[in-house]
Amino acid sequence: MPLYTFIMDYLGGTYISQVRASTPRSAARAWARQLDYAPVWGLGKAGKEQLIEWMMNGYSDPVPITGVKNTWCCGALVRNKSMDINFVQTEE
């Protein structure tokens, strides 16, 4: 299964994590479920639950980034703040 590296920007902080999934869409959903919210300033448990709901309901399906391969972006509105998410299918 491919490895995806996620780079999330939220409230002025940048956070990087990885997940394995079969498709970009399933990777975004798995990432949201597995995200450790503790180091993410201002997110908290309620924010993580909001993020999971956002991803699971397809409000922000990944969009390929033009001009580069195996790279997608998506976003979410969490606690009324914008969350920008970029991710790359990573070779090991």
N, C-alpha and C. Protein backbone atom coordinates (compact mmCIF):
# COMPACT_ATOMS: atom_id res chain seq x y z
N MET A 1 0.84 -1.17 0.00
CA MET A 1 0.00 0.00 0.00
C MET A 1 0.89 1.24 0.00
N PRO A 2 0.55 2.26 -0.78
CA PRO A 2 1.38 3.47 -0.85
C PRO A 2 1.45 4.21 0.49
N LEU A 3 2.56 4.90 0.67
CA LEU A 3 2.77 5.76 1.83
C LEU A 3 2.53 7.20 1.38
N TYR A 4 1.77 7.95 2.17
CA TYR A 4 1.49 9.35 1.88
C TYR A 4 2.02 10.22 3.00
N THR A 5 2.69 11.31 2.63
CA THR A 5 3.20 12.27 3.59
C THR A 5 2.31 13.51 3.55
N PHE A 6 1.75 13.87 4.70
CA PHE A 6 0.83 15.00 4.84
C PHE A 6 1.54 16.18 5.47
N ILE A 7 1.31 17.36 4.89
CA ILE A 7 1.82 18.62 5.43
C ILE A 7 0.59 19.50 5.66
N MET A 8 0.30 19.75 6.93
CA MET A 8 -0.89 20.51 7.30
C MET A 8 -0.47 21.85 7.89
N ASP A 9 -1.13 22.92 7.45
CA ASP A 9 -0.95 24.24 8.03
C ASP A 9 -2.24 24.62 8.74
N TYR A 10 -2.10 24.97 10.03
CA TYR A 10 -3.28 25.32 10.83
C TYR A 10 -2.88 26.32 11.90
N LEU A 11 -3.53 27.45 11.93
CA LEU A 11 -3.30 28.50 12.92
C LEU A 11 -1.83 28.88 13.04
N GLY A 12 -1.15 28.97 11.93
CA GLY A 12 0.23 29.40 11.91
C GLY A 12 1.26 28.31 12.17
N GLY A 13 0.81 27.08 12.40
CA GLY A 13 1.73 25.97 12.62
C GLY A 13 1.72 25.02 11.44
N THR A 14 2.83 24.34 11.22
CA THR A 14 2.94 23.35 10.16
C THR A 14 3.22 22.01 10.82
N TYR A 15 2.46 20.99 10.43
CA TYR A 15 2.53 19.66 11.05
C TYR A 15 2.66 18.62 9.95
N ILE A 16 3.55 17.66 10.14
CA ILE A 16 3.83 16.65 9.12
C ILE A 16 3.61 15.27 9.73
N SER A 17 2.90 14.41 8.99
CA SER A 17 2.68 13.03 9.43
C SER A 17 2.48 12.15 8.21
N GLN A 18 2.47 10.84 8.43
CA GLN A 18 2.35 9.90 7.31
C GLN A 18 1.31 8.83 7.61
N VAL A 19 0.68 8.33 6.53
CA VAL A 19 -0.25 7.20 6.61
C VAL A 19 -0.09 6.33 5.37
N ARG A 20 -0.54 5.11 5.49
CA ARG A 20 -0.61 4.20 4.35
C ARG A 20 -2.08 4.05 3.96
N ALA A 21 -2.33 4.07 2.65
CA ALA A 21 -3.68 3.91 2.14
C ALA A 21 -3.61 3.53 0.67
N SER A 22 -4.72 3.03 0.14
CA SER A 22 -4.72 2.56 -1.24
C SER A 22 -4.97 3.67 -2.26
N THR A 23 -5.64 4.75 -1.87
CA THR A 23 -5.94 5.85 -2.80
C THR A 23 -5.75 7.19 -2.07
N PRO A 24 -5.61 8.27 -2.82
CA PRO A 24 -5.51 9.58 -2.16
C PRO A 24 -6.72 9.90 -1.28
N ARG A 25 -7.91 9.57 -1.74
CA ARG A 25 -9.11 9.84 -0.94
C ARG A 25 -9.11 9.05 0.35
N SER A 26 -8.77 7.77 0.28
CA SER A 26 -8.73 6.97 1.51
C SER A 26 -7.57 7.41 2.40
N ALA A 27 -6.50 7.93 1.81
CA ALA A 27 -5.38 8.44 2.60
C ALA A 27 -5.81 9.66 3.41
N ALA A 28 -6.54 10.57 2.80
CA ALA A 28 -7.00 11.76 3.51
C ALA A 28 -7.91 11.38 4.68
N ARG A 29 -8.76 10.42 4.46
CA ARG A 29 -9.66 9.97 5.53
C ARG A 29 -8.90 9.27 6.65
N ALA A 30 -7.96 8.40 6.26
CA ALA A 30 -7.15 7.69 7.26
C ALA A 30 -6.30 8.68 8.05
N TRP A 31 -5.74 9.66 7.36
CA TRP A 31 -4.92 10.67 8.02
C TRP A 31 -5.72 11.41 9.08
N ALA A 32 -6.93 11.83 8.73
CA ALA A 32 -7.77 12.56 9.69
C ALA A 32 -8.06 11.70 10.92
N ARG A 33 -8.36 10.43 10.70
CA ARG A 33 -8.67 9.53 11.83
C ARG A 33 -7.44 9.28 12.70
N GLN A 34 -6.25 9.21 12.10
CA GLN A 34 -5.04 8.87 12.83
C GLN A 34 -4.28 10.08 13.38
N LEU A 35 -4.68 11.27 13.00
CA LEU A 35 -3.96 12.47 13.41
C LEU A 35 -3.90 12.61 14.93
N ASP A 36 -2.70 12.82 15.44
CA ASP A 36 -2.51 13.09 16.87
C ASP A 36 -2.76 14.58 17.07
N TYR A 37 -3.87 14.92 17.70
CA TYR A 37 -4.24 16.32 17.86
C TYR A 37 -3.47 17.03 18.96
N ALA A 38 -2.83 16.30 19.85
CA ALA A 38 -2.15 16.91 21.00
C ALA A 38 -1.12 17.98 20.61
N PRO A 39 -0.24 17.74 19.63
CA PRO A 39 0.75 18.77 19.30
C PRO A 39 0.21 19.89 18.39
N VAL A 40 -1.02 19.77 17.93
CA VAL A 40 -1.57 20.76 17.00
C VAL A 40 -2.26 21.86 17.81
N TRP A 41 -1.60 23.01 17.88
CA TRP A 41 -2.13 24.12 18.67
C TRP A 41 -3.52 24.52 18.20
N GLY A 42 -4.47 24.56 19.15
CA GLY A 42 -5.82 25.03 18.86
C GLY A 42 -6.76 24.00 18.26
N LEU A 43 -6.32 22.76 18.08
CA LEU A 43 -7.19 21.76 17.46
C LEU A 43 -8.05 21.05 18.50
N GLY A 44 -7.45 20.33 19.41
CA GLY A 44 -8.18 19.63 20.45
C GLY A 44 -9.01 18.48 19.91
N LYS A 45 -9.62 17.75 20.84
CA LYS A 45 -10.42 16.58 20.48
C LYS A 45 -11.64 16.96 19.64
N ALA A 46 -12.31 18.04 20.02
CA ALA A 46 -13.50 18.47 19.26
C ALA A 46 -13.13 18.89 17.84
N GLY A 47 -11.99 19.55 17.69
CA GLY A 47 -11.53 19.95 16.36
C GLY A 47 -11.19 18.75 15.50
N LYS A 48 -10.56 17.74 16.11
CA LYS A 48 -10.24 16.53 15.36
C LYS A 48 -11.52 15.84 14.90
N GLU A 49 -12.52 15.78 15.76
CA GLU A 49 -13.80 15.16 15.38
C GLU A 49 -14.44 15.93 14.23
N GLN A 50 -14.32 17.24 14.25
CA GLN A 50 -14.84 18.06 13.15
C GLN A 50 -14.09 17.77 11.85
N LEU A 51 -12.77 17.63 11.95
CA LEU A 51 -11.94 17.31 10.78
C LEU A 51 -12.33 15.96 10.20
N ILE A 52 -12.49 14.95 11.05
CA ILE A 52 -12.89 13.62 10.59
C ILE A 52 -14.23 13.69 9.87
N GLU A 53 -15.19 14.39 10.46
CA GLU A 53 -16.51 14.52 9.83
C GLU A 53 -16.38 15.20 8.46
N TRP A 54 -15.57 16.24 8.39
CA TRP A 54 -15.35 16.98 7.13
C TRP A 54 -14.82 16.04 6.05
N MET A 55 -13.83 15.22 6.40
CA MET A 55 -13.21 14.31 5.44
C MET A 55 -14.13 13.14 5.07
N MET A 56 -14.80 12.58 6.06
CA MET A 56 -15.65 11.41 5.82
C MET A 56 -16.87 11.76 4.96
N ASN A 57 -17.36 12.98 5.08
CA ASN A 57 -18.53 13.39 4.32
C ASN A 57 -18.19 13.94 2.95
N GLY A 58 -16.90 13.91 2.58
CA GLY A 58 -16.49 14.30 1.24
C GLY A 58 -16.55 15.79 0.96
N TYR A 59 -16.56 16.62 2.01
CA TYR A 59 -16.60 18.07 1.80
C TYR A 59 -15.31 18.57 1.16
N SER A 60 -14.24 17.78 1.30
CA SER A 60 -12.95 18.24 0.81
C SER A 60 -12.17 17.08 0.20
N ASP A 61 -12.67 16.53 -0.88
CA ASP A 61 -11.94 15.45 -1.54
C ASP A 61 -10.64 16.00 -2.12
N PRO A 62 -9.58 15.20 -2.10
CA PRO A 62 -8.28 15.65 -2.61
C PRO A 62 -8.33 16.03 -4.08
N VAL A 63 -7.59 17.08 -4.41
CA VAL A 63 -7.49 17.57 -5.79
C VAL A 63 -6.02 17.48 -6.20
N PRO A 64 -5.73 16.88 -7.36
CA PRO A 64 -4.32 16.83 -7.81
C PRO A 64 -3.77 18.23 -8.04
N ILE A 65 -2.52 18.44 -7.66
CA ILE A 65 -1.86 19.72 -7.89
C ILE A 65 -1.25 19.70 -9.29
N THR A 66 -1.63 20.66 -10.10
CA THR A 66 -1.19 20.74 -11.49
C THR A 66 0.32 20.96 -11.56
N GLY A 67 0.96 20.21 -12.46
CA GLY A 67 2.38 20.40 -12.73
C GLY A 67 3.31 19.53 -11.91
N VAL A 68 2.78 18.79 -10.96
CA VAL A 68 3.61 17.88 -10.17
C VAL A 68 2.90 16.53 -10.07
N LYS A 69 3.68 15.48 -9.90
CA LYS A 69 3.11 14.13 -9.84
C LYS A 69 2.89 13.69 -8.41
N ASN A 70 1.84 12.90 -8.23
CA ASN A 70 1.56 12.26 -6.94
C ASN A 70 1.47 13.26 -5.79
N THR A 71 0.84 14.41 -6.06
CA THR A 71 0.70 15.45 -5.05
C THR A 71 -0.72 16.00 -5.10
N TRP A 72 -1.34 16.13 -3.93
CA TRP A 72 -2.73 16.56 -3.84
C TRP A 72 -2.86 17.64 -2.78
N CYS A 73 -3.99 18.33 -2.83
CA CYS A 73 -4.31 19.29 -1.79
C CYS A 73 -5.78 19.15 -1.43
N CYS A 74 -6.08 19.54 -0.24
CA CYS A 74 -7.45 19.63 0.23
C CYS A 74 -7.44 20.57 1.42
N GLY A 75 -8.57 20.85 1.95
CA GLY A 75 -8.65 21.76 3.08
C GLY A 75 -9.88 21.46 3.90
N ALA A 76 -9.96 22.11 5.03
CA ALA A 76 -11.10 21.93 5.90
C ALA A 76 -11.33 23.21 6.68
N LEU A 77 -12.53 23.36 7.16
CA LEU A 77 -12.86 24.45 8.07
C LEU A 77 -13.08 23.80 9.43
N VAL A 78 -12.14 24.05 10.33
CA VAL A 78 -12.16 23.41 11.64
C VAL A 78 -12.17 24.49 12.71
N ARG A 79 -13.18 24.45 13.56
CA ARG A 79 -13.34 25.46 14.62
C ARG A 79 -13.36 26.87 14.00
N ASN A 80 -14.00 26.95 12.85
CA ASN A 80 -14.15 28.20 12.10
C ASN A 80 -12.82 28.78 11.62
N LYS A 81 -11.80 27.93 11.50
CA LYS A 81 -10.50 28.35 11.00
C LYS A 81 -10.11 27.46 9.83
N SER A 82 -9.42 28.04 8.86
CA SER A 82 -9.01 27.31 7.66
C SER A 82 -7.83 26.39 7.96
N MET A 83 -7.91 25.18 7.46
CA MET A 83 -6.83 24.20 7.55
C MET A 83 -6.44 23.83 6.13
N ASP A 84 -5.18 24.06 5.78
CA ASP A 84 -4.67 23.73 4.45
C ASP A 84 -3.87 22.43 4.55
N ILE A 85 -4.16 21.50 3.65
CA ILE A 85 -3.54 20.19 3.70
C ILE A 85 -2.99 19.85 2.33
N ASN A 86 -1.69 19.57 2.26
CA ASN A 86 -1.05 19.08 1.05
C ASN A 86 -0.48 17.72 1.37
N PHE A 87 -0.49 16.82 0.39
CA PHE A 87 0.13 15.52 0.63
C PHE A 87 0.69 14.92 -0.63
N VAL A 88 1.70 14.07 -0.42
CA VAL A 88 2.49 13.50 -1.50
C VAL A 88 2.57 12.00 -1.32
N GLN A 89 2.39 11.27 -2.41
CA GLN A 89 2.65 9.84 -2.36
C GLN A 89 4.16 9.68 -2.30
N THR A 90 4.64 9.07 -1.24
CA THR A 90 6.05 9.04 -0.91
C THR A 90 6.67 7.70 -1.25
N GLU A 91 7.82 7.72 -1.90
CA GLU A 91 8.58 6.49 -2.17
C GLU A 91 9.43 6.17 -0.95
N GLU A 92 9.55 4.90 -0.65
CA GLU A 92 10.40 4.50 0.49
C GLU A 92 11.75 4.09 0.02
